[in-house]
Amino acid sequence: MVRNLKANFKYLEIPDVTNQIFLIFISLLSIIFVENFPWKFFIPILNIFLCILITYLVSHYEKKNVHDKRKRSVTRFLRFWYPAFMIFFCFKEIYVIMISAHNVLYDVYLIQIDRWLFGVNPSEYLSKFLNPYAVEFLQIVYGLFYLMPVIYAMEL
């Protein structure tokens, strides 16, 4: 089994390795900073499972012949689109680590930094210059932010 897993590493590309390194990094953060017992070890175990799953998905697809690779299949979809799902998953893990590590949100400090940098509350100051068209435009731009994982996955 270990030999089989090592042989499958040759199929990994830069995005695959990057995702696995990031999962390992999140696991280390969980072990070091999380004090809540279930999450402290659940996140690393889950991330190790995901690293193995990524290696399996990639190698399973890449071992196929050229004709089979061109066919639409679940394997092909997962091979190229799993990074988009990883973004949502990692975002949730980081949230759990932040809440479990200190149980403190730093919004108040960030607001104070904004006031220190700009001298005023930036959102109140900029509200003087907005009109309905600008608000609509900025809402559309903000909505496009949610498409970024899909755009990222398509790029990869």
N, C-alpha and C. Protein backbone atom coordinates (compact mmCIF):
# COMPACT_ATOMS: atom_id res chain seq x y z
N MET A 1 0.83 -1.19 0.00
CA MET A 1 0.00 0.00 0.00
C MET A 1 0.87 1.26 0.00
N VAL A 2 1.92 1.28 0.83
CA VAL A 2 2.80 2.45 0.89
C VAL A 2 3.53 2.62 -0.43
N ARG A 3 3.99 1.51 -1.02
CA ARG A 3 4.67 1.58 -2.31
C ARG A 3 3.72 2.11 -3.38
N ASN A 4 2.47 1.66 -3.33
CA ASN A 4 1.46 2.13 -4.28
C ASN A 4 1.23 3.63 -4.13
N LEU A 5 1.18 4.10 -2.88
CA LEU A 5 0.97 5.52 -2.63
C LEU A 5 2.15 6.33 -3.13
N LYS A 6 3.37 5.85 -2.92
CA LYS A 6 4.56 6.55 -3.39
C LYS A 6 4.57 6.62 -4.92
N ALA A 7 4.15 5.56 -5.58
CA ALA A 7 4.11 5.55 -7.05
C ALA A 7 3.09 6.55 -7.58
N ASN A 8 2.05 6.81 -6.80
CA ASN A 8 1.01 7.75 -7.23
C ASN A 8 1.44 9.21 -7.11
N PHE A 9 2.47 9.48 -6.32
CA PHE A 9 2.94 10.86 -6.15
C PHE A 9 3.48 11.45 -7.45
N LYS A 10 3.94 10.62 -8.36
CA LYS A 10 4.51 11.14 -9.60
C LYS A 10 3.47 11.82 -10.49
N TYR A 11 2.20 11.57 -10.24
CA TYR A 11 1.14 12.17 -11.03
C TYR A 11 0.71 13.55 -10.51
N LEU A 12 1.16 13.90 -9.32
CA LEU A 12 0.75 15.17 -8.72
C LEU A 12 1.39 16.34 -9.45
N GLU A 13 0.61 17.40 -9.65
CA GLU A 13 1.11 18.62 -10.28
C GLU A 13 1.17 19.71 -9.21
N ILE A 14 1.65 20.89 -9.59
CA ILE A 14 1.85 21.98 -8.65
C ILE A 14 0.58 22.32 -7.85
N PRO A 15 -0.60 22.46 -8.47
CA PRO A 15 -1.80 22.77 -7.66
C PRO A 15 -2.12 21.67 -6.64
N ASP A 16 -1.87 20.43 -7.01
CA ASP A 16 -2.14 19.32 -6.09
C ASP A 16 -1.20 19.36 -4.90
N VAL A 17 0.07 19.58 -5.17
CA VAL A 17 1.06 19.65 -4.09
C VAL A 17 0.79 20.88 -3.22
N THR A 18 0.42 21.99 -3.84
CA THR A 18 0.12 23.20 -3.08
C THR A 18 -1.05 22.98 -2.14
N ASN A 19 -2.11 22.32 -2.60
CA ASN A 19 -3.25 22.02 -1.74
C ASN A 19 -2.83 21.12 -0.58
N GLN A 20 -2.00 20.14 -0.85
CA GLN A 20 -1.58 19.23 0.21
C GLN A 20 -0.69 19.94 1.23
N ILE A 21 0.21 20.79 0.77
CA ILE A 21 1.06 21.55 1.69
C ILE A 21 0.20 22.46 2.57
N PHE A 22 -0.79 23.09 1.97
CA PHE A 22 -1.67 23.96 2.74
C PHE A 22 -2.46 23.16 3.78
N LEU A 23 -2.93 21.97 3.43
CA LEU A 23 -3.64 21.13 4.39
C LEU A 23 -2.74 20.73 5.55
N ILE A 24 -1.48 20.43 5.26
CA ILE A 24 -0.53 20.10 6.32
C ILE A 24 -0.28 21.31 7.21
N PHE A 25 -0.16 22.49 6.59
CA PHE A 25 0.04 23.73 7.34
C PHE A 25 -1.15 23.99 8.29
N ILE A 26 -2.36 23.82 7.79
CA ILE A 26 -3.55 24.00 8.63
C ILE A 26 -3.56 22.98 9.76
N SER A 27 -3.13 21.76 9.47
CA SER A 27 -3.07 20.73 10.50
C SER A 27 -2.10 21.12 11.62
N LEU A 28 -0.95 21.64 11.24
CA LEU A 28 0.03 22.08 12.24
C LEU A 28 -0.52 23.23 13.08
N LEU A 29 -1.20 24.17 12.43
CA LEU A 29 -1.83 25.26 13.18
C LEU A 29 -2.85 24.72 14.18
N SER A 30 -3.60 23.73 13.76
CA SER A 30 -4.60 23.14 14.65
C SER A 30 -3.94 22.48 15.86
N ILE A 31 -2.88 21.73 15.63
CA ILE A 31 -2.20 21.05 16.73
C ILE A 31 -1.57 22.05 17.70
N ILE A 32 -1.01 23.11 17.17
CA ILE A 32 -0.30 24.08 18.01
C ILE A 32 -1.26 25.00 18.77
N PHE A 33 -2.27 25.54 18.10
CA PHE A 33 -3.06 26.62 18.68
C PHE A 33 -4.42 26.23 19.22
N VAL A 34 -5.02 25.17 18.73
CA VAL A 34 -6.38 24.83 19.17
C VAL A 34 -6.30 24.11 20.51
N GLU A 35 -7.09 24.61 21.46
CA GLU A 35 -7.11 24.01 22.80
C GLU A 35 -8.29 23.06 22.98
N ASN A 36 -9.32 23.22 22.17
CA ASN A 36 -10.51 22.38 22.26
C ASN A 36 -10.17 20.98 21.76
N PHE A 37 -10.29 19.99 22.62
CA PHE A 37 -9.79 18.64 22.33
C PHE A 37 -10.33 18.00 21.05
N PRO A 38 -11.63 17.97 20.79
CA PRO A 38 -12.05 17.26 19.58
C PRO A 38 -11.48 17.85 18.30
N TRP A 39 -11.45 19.18 18.21
CA TRP A 39 -10.98 19.81 16.97
C TRP A 39 -9.47 19.73 16.82
N LYS A 40 -8.75 19.69 17.92
CA LYS A 40 -7.29 19.71 17.88
C LYS A 40 -6.74 18.58 17.02
N PHE A 41 -7.34 17.41 17.12
CA PHE A 41 -6.84 16.26 16.36
C PHE A 41 -7.77 15.85 15.22
N PHE A 42 -9.02 16.28 15.25
CA PHE A 42 -9.94 15.94 14.17
C PHE A 42 -9.50 16.60 12.86
N ILE A 43 -9.12 17.87 12.92
CA ILE A 43 -8.70 18.59 11.71
C ILE A 43 -7.48 17.94 11.07
N PRO A 44 -6.41 17.62 11.81
CA PRO A 44 -5.26 16.96 11.17
C PRO A 44 -5.59 15.59 10.58
N ILE A 45 -6.40 14.82 11.27
CA ILE A 45 -6.76 13.50 10.75
C ILE A 45 -7.58 13.65 9.46
N LEU A 46 -8.51 14.58 9.47
CA LEU A 46 -9.31 14.84 8.28
C LEU A 46 -8.43 15.33 7.12
N ASN A 47 -7.46 16.19 7.42
CA ASN A 47 -6.58 16.71 6.37
C ASN A 47 -5.65 15.64 5.81
N ILE A 48 -5.20 14.73 6.63
CA ILE A 48 -4.39 13.61 6.13
C ILE A 48 -5.23 12.75 5.19
N PHE A 49 -6.48 12.50 5.58
CA PHE A 49 -7.39 11.77 4.71
C PHE A 49 -7.58 12.50 3.38
N LEU A 50 -7.73 13.83 3.42
CA LEU A 50 -7.90 14.60 2.19
C LEU A 50 -6.65 14.55 1.32
N CYS A 51 -5.47 14.59 1.92
CA CYS A 51 -4.23 14.48 1.14
C CYS A 51 -4.16 13.14 0.41
N ILE A 52 -4.53 12.09 1.10
CA ILE A 52 -4.55 10.76 0.47
C ILE A 52 -5.61 10.71 -0.63
N LEU A 53 -6.77 11.31 -0.37
CA LEU A 53 -7.84 11.34 -1.37
C LEU A 53 -7.42 12.12 -2.61
N ILE A 54 -6.75 13.25 -2.43
CA ILE A 54 -6.27 14.03 -3.57
C ILE A 54 -5.29 13.20 -4.39
N THR A 55 -4.35 12.55 -3.72
CA THR A 55 -3.38 11.71 -4.42
C THR A 55 -4.09 10.60 -5.19
N TYR A 56 -5.10 9.99 -4.58
CA TYR A 56 -5.83 8.92 -5.25
C TYR A 56 -6.60 9.44 -6.46
N LEU A 57 -7.33 10.56 -6.29
CA LEU A 57 -8.12 11.11 -7.40
C LEU A 57 -7.23 11.47 -8.59
N VAL A 58 -6.12 12.14 -8.30
CA VAL A 58 -5.23 12.57 -9.37
C VAL A 58 -4.62 11.36 -10.08
N SER A 59 -4.10 10.42 -9.31
CA SER A 59 -3.44 9.26 -9.94
C SER A 59 -4.45 8.38 -10.67
N HIS A 60 -5.65 8.25 -10.13
CA HIS A 60 -6.67 7.44 -10.79
C HIS A 60 -7.01 8.02 -12.17
N TYR A 61 -7.11 9.33 -12.25
CA TYR A 61 -7.41 9.98 -13.53
C TYR A 61 -6.20 9.91 -14.47
N GLU A 62 -5.03 10.23 -13.96
CA GLU A 62 -3.84 10.32 -14.82
C GLU A 62 -3.37 8.96 -15.35
N LYS A 63 -3.75 7.87 -14.72
CA LYS A 63 -3.37 6.54 -15.19
C LYS A 63 -4.21 6.08 -16.39
N LYS A 64 -5.28 6.80 -16.65
CA LYS A 64 -6.15 6.42 -17.78
C LYS A 64 -5.44 6.72 -19.10
N ASN A 65 -5.88 6.02 -20.15
CA ASN A 65 -5.32 6.32 -21.47
C ASN A 65 -5.93 7.61 -22.01
N VAL A 66 -5.38 8.11 -23.09
CA VAL A 66 -5.77 9.42 -23.63
C VAL A 66 -7.26 9.44 -24.01
N HIS A 67 -7.73 8.35 -24.59
CA HIS A 67 -9.14 8.30 -25.00
C HIS A 67 -10.07 8.37 -23.78
N ASP A 68 -9.76 7.62 -22.74
CA ASP A 68 -10.60 7.63 -21.54
C ASP A 68 -10.53 8.97 -20.80
N LYS A 69 -9.41 9.65 -20.89
CA LYS A 69 -9.28 10.95 -20.23
C LYS A 69 -10.20 11.99 -20.86
N ARG A 70 -10.48 11.86 -22.14
CA ARG A 70 -11.32 12.84 -22.84
C ARG A 70 -12.80 12.64 -22.56
N LYS A 71 -13.19 11.46 -22.10
CA LYS A 71 -14.60 11.21 -21.80
C LYS A 71 -15.02 11.98 -20.55
N ARG A 72 -16.27 12.43 -20.57
CA ARG A 72 -16.80 13.08 -19.38
C ARG A 72 -17.06 12.01 -18.32
N SER A 73 -16.56 12.27 -17.13
CA SER A 73 -16.76 11.32 -16.04
C SER A 73 -16.64 12.04 -14.71
N VAL A 74 -17.08 11.38 -13.68
CA VAL A 74 -16.96 11.92 -12.33
C VAL A 74 -15.49 12.08 -11.96
N THR A 75 -14.68 11.12 -12.35
CA THR A 75 -13.25 11.18 -12.06
C THR A 75 -12.61 12.42 -12.69
N ARG A 76 -12.95 12.69 -13.92
CA ARG A 76 -12.40 13.88 -14.60
C ARG A 76 -12.87 15.16 -13.91
N PHE A 77 -14.14 15.21 -13.57
CA PHE A 77 -14.68 16.38 -12.88
C PHE A 77 -13.96 16.61 -11.55
N LEU A 78 -13.83 15.55 -10.74
CA LEU A 78 -13.17 15.69 -9.45
C LEU A 78 -11.69 16.03 -9.60
N ARG A 79 -11.04 15.49 -10.61
CA ARG A 79 -9.62 15.76 -10.82
C ARG A 79 -9.35 17.25 -11.03
N PHE A 80 -10.19 17.90 -11.81
CA PHE A 80 -9.92 19.28 -12.16
C PHE A 80 -10.69 20.31 -11.32
N TRP A 81 -11.73 19.87 -10.62
CA TRP A 81 -12.54 20.82 -9.88
C TRP A 81 -12.40 20.70 -8.37
N TYR A 82 -11.65 19.74 -7.87
CA TYR A 82 -11.54 19.64 -6.41
C TYR A 82 -10.90 20.88 -5.78
N PRO A 83 -9.99 21.62 -6.47
CA PRO A 83 -9.46 22.83 -5.82
C PRO A 83 -10.53 23.86 -5.46
N ALA A 84 -11.58 23.95 -6.26
CA ALA A 84 -12.66 24.89 -5.94
C ALA A 84 -13.36 24.47 -4.66
N PHE A 85 -13.58 23.18 -4.48
CA PHE A 85 -14.20 22.71 -3.25
C PHE A 85 -13.26 22.87 -2.05
N MET A 86 -11.96 22.74 -2.31
CA MET A 86 -10.97 22.89 -1.23
C MET A 86 -10.98 24.30 -0.66
N ILE A 87 -11.25 25.29 -1.49
CA ILE A 87 -11.28 26.68 -1.00
C ILE A 87 -12.35 26.83 0.07
N PHE A 88 -13.55 26.33 -0.20
CA PHE A 88 -14.62 26.41 0.79
C PHE A 88 -14.27 25.62 2.05
N PHE A 89 -13.72 24.43 1.85
CA PHE A 89 -13.39 23.56 2.97
C PHE A 89 -12.32 24.20 3.85
N CYS A 90 -11.25 24.70 3.25
CA CYS A 90 -10.16 25.32 4.01
C CYS A 90 -10.63 26.58 4.72
N PHE A 91 -11.50 27.34 4.07
CA PHE A 91 -12.05 28.54 4.69
C PHE A 91 -12.76 28.17 5.99
N LYS A 92 -13.54 27.12 5.97
CA LYS A 92 -14.27 26.69 7.17
C LYS A 92 -13.30 26.17 8.24
N GLU A 93 -12.25 25.46 7.84
CA GLU A 93 -11.28 24.97 8.80
C GLU A 93 -10.55 26.12 9.49
N ILE A 94 -10.17 27.13 8.73
CA ILE A 94 -9.48 28.28 9.31
C ILE A 94 -10.40 28.99 10.29
N TYR A 95 -11.67 29.09 9.96
CA TYR A 95 -12.64 29.70 10.87
C TYR A 95 -12.71 28.91 12.18
N VAL A 96 -12.78 27.59 12.08
CA VAL A 96 -12.85 26.75 13.29
C VAL A 96 -11.58 26.92 14.12
N ILE A 97 -10.43 26.98 13.47
CA ILE A 97 -9.17 27.16 14.20
C ILE A 97 -9.14 28.53 14.88
N MET A 98 -9.56 29.56 14.19
CA MET A 98 -9.56 30.91 14.80
C MET A 98 -10.46 30.98 16.02
N ILE A 99 -11.66 30.44 15.91
CA ILE A 99 -12.60 30.49 17.02
C ILE A 99 -12.14 29.59 18.16
N SER A 100 -11.59 28.42 17.85
CA SER A 100 -11.17 27.49 18.88
C SER A 100 -9.87 27.91 19.57
N ALA A 101 -9.02 28.62 18.83
CA ALA A 101 -7.72 28.96 19.40
C ALA A 101 -7.84 30.01 20.49
N HIS A 102 -8.55 31.08 20.25
CA HIS A 102 -8.59 32.17 21.22
C HIS A 102 -10.00 32.54 21.66
N ASN A 103 -10.97 32.10 20.91
CA ASN A 103 -12.37 32.42 21.19
C ASN A 103 -12.60 33.94 21.24
N VAL A 104 -11.83 34.66 20.41
CA VAL A 104 -11.93 36.12 20.36
C VAL A 104 -11.97 36.54 18.90
N LEU A 105 -12.84 37.46 18.58
CA LEU A 105 -12.85 38.07 17.25
C LEU A 105 -12.14 39.41 17.34
N TYR A 106 -11.41 39.76 16.31
CA TYR A 106 -10.57 40.95 16.34
C TYR A 106 -11.15 42.12 15.55
N ASP A 107 -12.45 42.12 15.31
CA ASP A 107 -13.08 43.18 14.54
C ASP A 107 -12.87 44.55 15.16
N VAL A 108 -12.96 44.65 16.47
CA VAL A 108 -12.79 45.93 17.15
C VAL A 108 -11.40 46.49 16.88
N TYR A 109 -10.39 45.64 16.93
CA TYR A 109 -9.01 46.09 16.68
C TYR A 109 -8.83 46.53 15.23
N LEU A 110 -9.44 45.81 14.31
CA LEU A 110 -9.34 46.19 12.90
C LEU A 110 -10.01 47.53 12.64
N ILE A 111 -11.14 47.79 13.29
CA ILE A 111 -11.82 49.08 13.16
C ILE A 111 -10.93 50.19 13.72
N GLN A 112 -10.28 49.93 14.84
CA GLN A 112 -9.37 50.93 15.42
C GLN A 112 -8.19 51.21 14.49
N ILE A 113 -7.67 50.19 13.84
CA ILE A 113 -6.57 50.38 12.89
C ILE A 113 -7.03 51.23 11.72
N ASP A 114 -8.25 50.97 11.21
CA ASP A 114 -8.80 51.79 10.13
C ASP A 114 -8.89 53.25 10.54
N ARG A 115 -9.40 53.49 11.73
CA ARG A 115 -9.53 54.88 12.19
C ARG A 115 -8.16 55.53 12.38
N TRP A 116 -7.20 54.77 12.84
CA TRP A 116 -5.86 55.31 13.03
C TRP A 116 -5.21 55.65 11.68
N LEU A 117 -5.39 54.75 10.68
CA LEU A 117 -4.79 54.98 9.36
C LEU A 117 -5.43 56.16 8.62
N PHE A 118 -6.76 56.22 8.66
CA PHE A 118 -7.47 57.20 7.84
C PHE A 118 -7.92 58.43 8.62
N GLY A 119 -7.88 58.36 9.92
CA GLY A 119 -8.32 59.49 10.74
C GLY A 119 -9.82 59.54 10.95
N VAL A 120 -10.57 58.80 10.17
CA VAL A 120 -12.03 58.72 10.29
C VAL A 120 -12.44 57.28 10.00
N ASN A 121 -13.72 57.01 10.22
CA ASN A 121 -14.25 55.71 9.82
C ASN A 121 -14.42 55.73 8.30
N PRO A 122 -13.66 54.89 7.55
CA PRO A 122 -13.69 54.98 6.08
C PRO A 122 -15.07 54.77 5.47
N SER A 123 -15.87 53.88 6.02
CA SER A 123 -17.18 53.64 5.41
C SER A 123 -18.11 54.84 5.59
N GLU A 124 -18.03 55.50 6.75
CA GLU A 124 -18.85 56.70 6.95
C GLU A 124 -18.38 57.83 6.04
N TYR A 125 -17.09 57.99 5.89
CA TYR A 125 -16.55 59.06 5.06
C TYR A 125 -16.91 58.85 3.59
N LEU A 126 -16.75 57.62 3.09
CA LEU A 126 -17.03 57.35 1.69
C LEU A 126 -18.52 57.37 1.36
N SER A 127 -19.37 57.23 2.37
CA SER A 127 -20.81 57.24 2.10
C SER A 127 -21.28 58.58 1.54
N LYS A 128 -20.51 59.64 1.75
CA LYS A 128 -20.86 60.95 1.20
C LYS A 128 -20.76 60.97 -0.33
N PHE A 129 -19.91 60.13 -0.89
CA PHE A 129 -19.62 60.17 -2.32
C PHE A 129 -20.38 59.14 -3.15
N LEU A 130 -21.15 58.28 -2.52
CA LEU A 130 -21.83 57.21 -3.25
C LEU A 130 -23.15 57.69 -3.83
N ASN A 131 -23.48 57.07 -4.95
CA ASN A 131 -24.80 57.28 -5.54
C ASN A 131 -25.37 55.90 -5.86
N PRO A 132 -26.65 55.80 -6.21
CA PRO A 132 -27.27 54.49 -6.44
C PRO A 132 -26.56 53.63 -7.50
N TYR A 133 -26.02 54.26 -8.54
CA TYR A 133 -25.33 53.51 -9.58
C TYR A 133 -24.02 52.91 -9.07
N ALA A 134 -23.32 53.68 -8.26
CA ALA A 134 -22.07 53.18 -7.69
C ALA A 134 -22.35 52.03 -6.73
N VAL A 135 -23.41 52.16 -5.93
CA VAL A 135 -23.77 51.10 -4.99
C VAL A 135 -24.12 49.82 -5.76
N GLU A 136 -24.89 49.96 -6.82
CA GLU A 136 -25.26 48.79 -7.64
C GLU A 136 -24.03 48.14 -8.25
N PHE A 137 -23.14 48.95 -8.78
CA PHE A 137 -21.90 48.44 -9.38
C PHE A 137 -21.06 47.69 -8.34
N LEU A 138 -20.91 48.26 -7.18
CA LEU A 138 -20.10 47.62 -6.13
C LEU A 138 -20.76 46.34 -5.62
N GLN A 139 -22.08 46.28 -5.59
CA GLN A 139 -22.76 45.05 -5.20
C GLN A 139 -22.53 43.95 -6.23
N ILE A 140 -22.53 44.29 -7.50
CA ILE A 140 -22.24 43.31 -8.55
C ILE A 140 -20.80 42.81 -8.42
N VAL A 141 -19.87 43.72 -8.19
CA VAL A 141 -18.46 43.32 -8.02
C VAL A 141 -18.32 42.40 -6.81
N TYR A 142 -19.00 42.73 -5.72
CA TYR A 142 -18.95 41.89 -4.52
C TYR A 142 -19.55 40.51 -4.81
N GLY A 143 -20.64 40.48 -5.55
CA GLY A 143 -21.24 39.19 -5.92
C GLY A 143 -20.31 38.34 -6.76
N LEU A 144 -19.52 38.97 -7.61
CA LEU A 144 -18.55 38.23 -8.43
C LEU A 144 -17.46 37.59 -7.59
N PHE A 145 -17.24 38.12 -6.40
CA PHE A 145 -16.25 37.54 -5.49
C PHE A 145 -16.55 36.07 -5.20
N TYR A 146 -17.84 35.72 -5.14
CA TYR A 146 -18.22 34.34 -4.86
C TYR A 146 -17.93 33.40 -6.03
N LEU A 147 -17.69 33.95 -7.19
CA LEU A 147 -17.32 33.12 -8.34
C LEU A 147 -15.81 32.87 -8.40
N MET A 148 -15.04 33.51 -7.54
CA MET A 148 -13.58 33.37 -7.58
C MET A 148 -13.11 31.92 -7.44
N PRO A 149 -13.69 31.09 -6.57
CA PRO A 149 -13.24 29.70 -6.53
C PRO A 149 -13.43 28.97 -7.85
N VAL A 150 -14.52 29.27 -8.53
CA VAL A 150 -14.78 28.63 -9.83
C VAL A 150 -13.76 29.13 -10.86
N ILE A 151 -13.51 30.44 -10.84
CA ILE A 151 -12.52 31.00 -11.77
C ILE A 151 -11.14 30.43 -11.48
N TYR A 152 -10.81 30.29 -10.19
CA TYR A 152 -9.53 29.70 -9.79
C TYR A 152 -9.41 28.26 -10.29
N ALA A 153 -10.46 27.50 -10.12
CA ALA A 153 -10.43 26.11 -10.57
C ALA A 153 -10.32 25.99 -12.08
N MET A 154 -10.99 26.89 -12.81
CA MET A 154 -10.90 26.86 -14.27
C MET A 154 -9.48 27.21 -14.72
N GLU A 155 -8.84 28.13 -14.03
CA GLU A 155 -7.48 28.52 -14.36
C GLU A 155 -6.51 27.35 -14.14
N LEU A 156 -6.73 26.61 -13.07
CA LEU A 156 -5.86 25.47 -12.80
C LEU A 156 -6.09 24.37 -13.81
